[in-house]
Amino acid sequence: MNYSQSSHSLELIDTEQDIFDSQQDIFDSQQDIFDSQQDIFDSQQDIPQAQSVSVENFELISSDSSPYSTVSSIPTDPVI
């Protein structure tokens, strides 16, 4: 009788441990979901910046009629 009681209480402890582990798993999963949502949010924040940079670069390139004009101003003879 005493043996069965002790084994039963051990089973209860194991079950409580399993429940705790499951709750930990759920918590970890929720943490992963939260992290993923943060990543998505961060990516969405980056999109307008990337768009504005690409537009600026395009305007910079298209407004410059001669991109090699600075190269011709470099002296060909070495200055001693």
C-alpha atoms as a PDB file:
ATOM      1  CA  MET A   1       0.000   0.000   0.000  1.00  0.00           C
ATOM      2  CA  ASN A   2       2.725   2.356   0.982  1.00  0.00           C
ATOM      3  CA  TYR A   3       4.676   1.517  -2.173  1.00  0.00           C
ATOM      4  CA  SER A   4       1.723   2.248  -4.446  1.00  0.00           C
ATOM      5  CA  GLN A   5       1.124   5.563  -2.701  1.00  0.00           C
ATOM      6  CA  SER A   6       4.735   6.622  -3.138  1.00  0.00           C
ATOM      7  CA  SER A   7       4.777   5.563  -6.777  1.00  0.00           C
ATOM      8  CA  HIS A   8       1.516   7.434  -7.309  1.00  0.00           C
ATOM      9  CA  SER A   9       2.970  10.602  -5.784  1.00  0.00           C
ATOM     10  CA  LEU A  10       6.028  10.174  -8.025  1.00  0.00           C
ATOM     11  CA  GLU A  11       3.726   9.929 -11.020  1.00  0.00           C
ATOM     12  CA  LEU A  12       2.037  13.129  -9.892  1.00  0.00           C
ATOM     13  CA  ILE A  13       5.414  14.848  -9.650  1.00  0.00           C
ATOM     14  CA  ASP A  14       6.305  13.583 -13.132  1.00  0.00           C
ATOM     15  CA  THR A  15       2.964  14.802 -14.470  1.00  0.00           C
ATOM     16  CA  GLU A  16       3.449  18.225 -12.884  1.00  0.00           C
ATOM     17  CA  GLN A  17       6.938  18.346 -14.382  1.00  0.00           C
ATOM     18  CA  ASP A  18       5.488  17.448 -17.805  1.00  0.00           C
ATOM     19  CA  ILE A  19       2.887  20.192 -17.449  1.00  0.00           C
ATOM     20  CA  PHE A  20       5.593  22.651 -16.466  1.00  0.00           C
ATOM     21  CA  ASP A  21       7.749  21.580 -19.433  1.00  0.00           C
ATOM     22  CA  SER A  22       4.776  21.958 -21.754  1.00  0.00           C
ATOM     23  CA  GLN A  23       4.112  25.438 -20.407  1.00  0.00           C
ATOM     24  CA  GLN A  24       7.785  26.251 -20.982  1.00  0.00           C
ATOM     25  CA  ASP A  25       7.476  25.003 -24.558  1.00  0.00           C
ATOM     26  CA  ILE A  26       4.378  27.143 -25.078  1.00  0.00           C
ATOM     27  CA  PHE A  27       6.182  30.139 -23.610  1.00  0.00           C
ATOM     28  CA  ASP A  28       9.204  29.518 -25.849  1.00  0.00           C
ATOM     29  CA  SER A  29       6.926  29.219 -28.880  1.00  0.00           C
ATOM     30  CA  GLN A  30       5.201  32.474 -27.985  1.00  0.00           C
ATOM     31  CA  GLN A  31       8.631  34.063 -27.600  1.00  0.00           C
ATOM     32  CA  ASP A  32       9.584  32.783 -31.069  1.00  0.00           C
ATOM     33  CA  ILE A  33       6.352  34.200 -32.508  1.00  0.00           C
ATOM     34  CA  PHE A  34       7.052  37.524 -30.823  1.00  0.00           C
ATOM     35  CA  ASP A  35      10.609  37.542 -32.183  1.00  0.00           C
ATOM     36  CA  SER A  36       9.305  36.761 -35.679  1.00  0.00           C
ATOM     37  CA  GLN A  37       6.791  39.588 -35.413  1.00  0.00           C
ATOM     38  CA  GLN A  38       9.621  41.894 -34.335  1.00  0.00           C
ATOM     39  CA  ASP A  39      11.647  40.794 -37.374  1.00  0.00           C
ATOM     40  CA  ILE A  40       8.669  41.446 -39.656  1.00  0.00           C
ATOM     41  CA  PHE A  41       8.132  44.851 -38.067  1.00  0.00           C
ATOM     42  CA  ASP A  42      11.824  45.707 -38.425  1.00  0.00           C
ATOM     43  CA  SER A  43      11.763  44.590 -42.074  1.00  0.00           C
ATOM     44  CA  GLN A  44       8.722  46.754 -42.735  1.00  0.00           C
ATOM     45  CA  GLN A  45      10.537  49.684 -41.127  1.00  0.00           C
ATOM     46  CA  ASP A  46      13.469  49.104 -43.487  1.00  0.00           C
ATOM     47  CA  ILE A  47      11.306  49.108 -46.646  1.00  0.00           C
ATOM     48  CA  PRO A  48      10.591  52.883 -46.818  1.00  0.00           C
ATOM     49  CA  GLN A  49      14.263  53.644 -46.153  1.00  0.00           C
ATOM     50  CA  ALA A  50      15.374  51.276 -48.905  1.00  0.00           C
ATOM     51  CA  GLN A  51      12.855  52.800 -51.315  1.00  0.00           C
ATOM     52  CA  SER A  52      13.959  56.353 -50.520  1.00  0.00           C
ATOM     53  CA  VAL A  53      17.635  55.436 -50.905  1.00  0.00           C
ATOM     54  CA  SER A  54      17.053  53.804 -54.281  1.00  0.00           C
ATOM     55  CA  VAL A  55      15.065  56.836 -55.464  1.00  0.00           C
ATOM     56  CA  GLU A  56      17.828  59.191 -54.314  1.00  0.00           C
ATOM     57  CA  ASN A  57      20.477  57.110 -56.061  1.00  0.00           C
ATOM     58  CA  PHE A  58      18.420  57.047 -59.225  1.00  0.00           C
ATOM     59  CA  GLU A  59      17.999  60.829 -59.171  1.00  0.00           C
ATOM     60  CA  LEU A  60      21.702  61.291 -58.473  1.00  0.00           C
ATOM     61  CA  ILE A  61      22.703  59.087 -61.404  1.00  0.00           C
ATOM     62  CA  SER A  62      20.126  60.482 -63.827  1.00  0.00           C
ATOM     63  CA  SER A  63      20.891  64.140 -62.964  1.00  0.00           C
ATOM     64  CA  ASP A  64      24.626  63.689 -63.573  1.00  0.00           C
ATOM     65  CA  SER A  65      25.071  64.121 -67.326  1.00  0.00           C
ATOM     66  CA  SER A  66      28.751  63.116 -67.390  1.00  0.00           C
ATOM     67  CA  PRO A  67      29.709  60.694 -64.620  1.00  0.00           C
ATOM     68  CA  TYR A  68      33.341  60.591 -65.804  1.00  0.00           C
ATOM     69  CA  SER A  69      33.893  64.374 -65.745  1.00  0.00           C
ATOM     70  CA  THR A  70      35.902  64.127 -62.516  1.00  0.00           C
ATOM     71  CA  VAL A  71      38.258  61.545 -64.039  1.00  0.00           C
ATOM     72  CA  SER A  72      39.463  63.893 -66.795  1.00  0.00           C
ATOM     73  CA  SER A  73      40.468  66.537 -64.239  1.00  0.00           C
ATOM     74  CA  ILE A  74      43.086  64.216 -62.689  1.00  0.00           C
ATOM     75  CA  PRO A  75      46.563  65.176 -63.989  1.00  0.00           C
ATOM     76  CA  THR A  76      48.152  62.498 -66.141  1.00  0.00           C
ATOM     77  CA  ASP A  77      51.731  63.565 -65.363  1.00  0.00           C
ATOM     78  CA  PRO A  78      53.001  62.666 -61.886  1.00  0.00           C
ATOM     79  CA  VAL A  79      53.578  65.714 -59.710  1.00  0.00           C
ATOM     80  CA  ILE A  80      57.086  65.653 -58.200  1.00  0.00           C
END
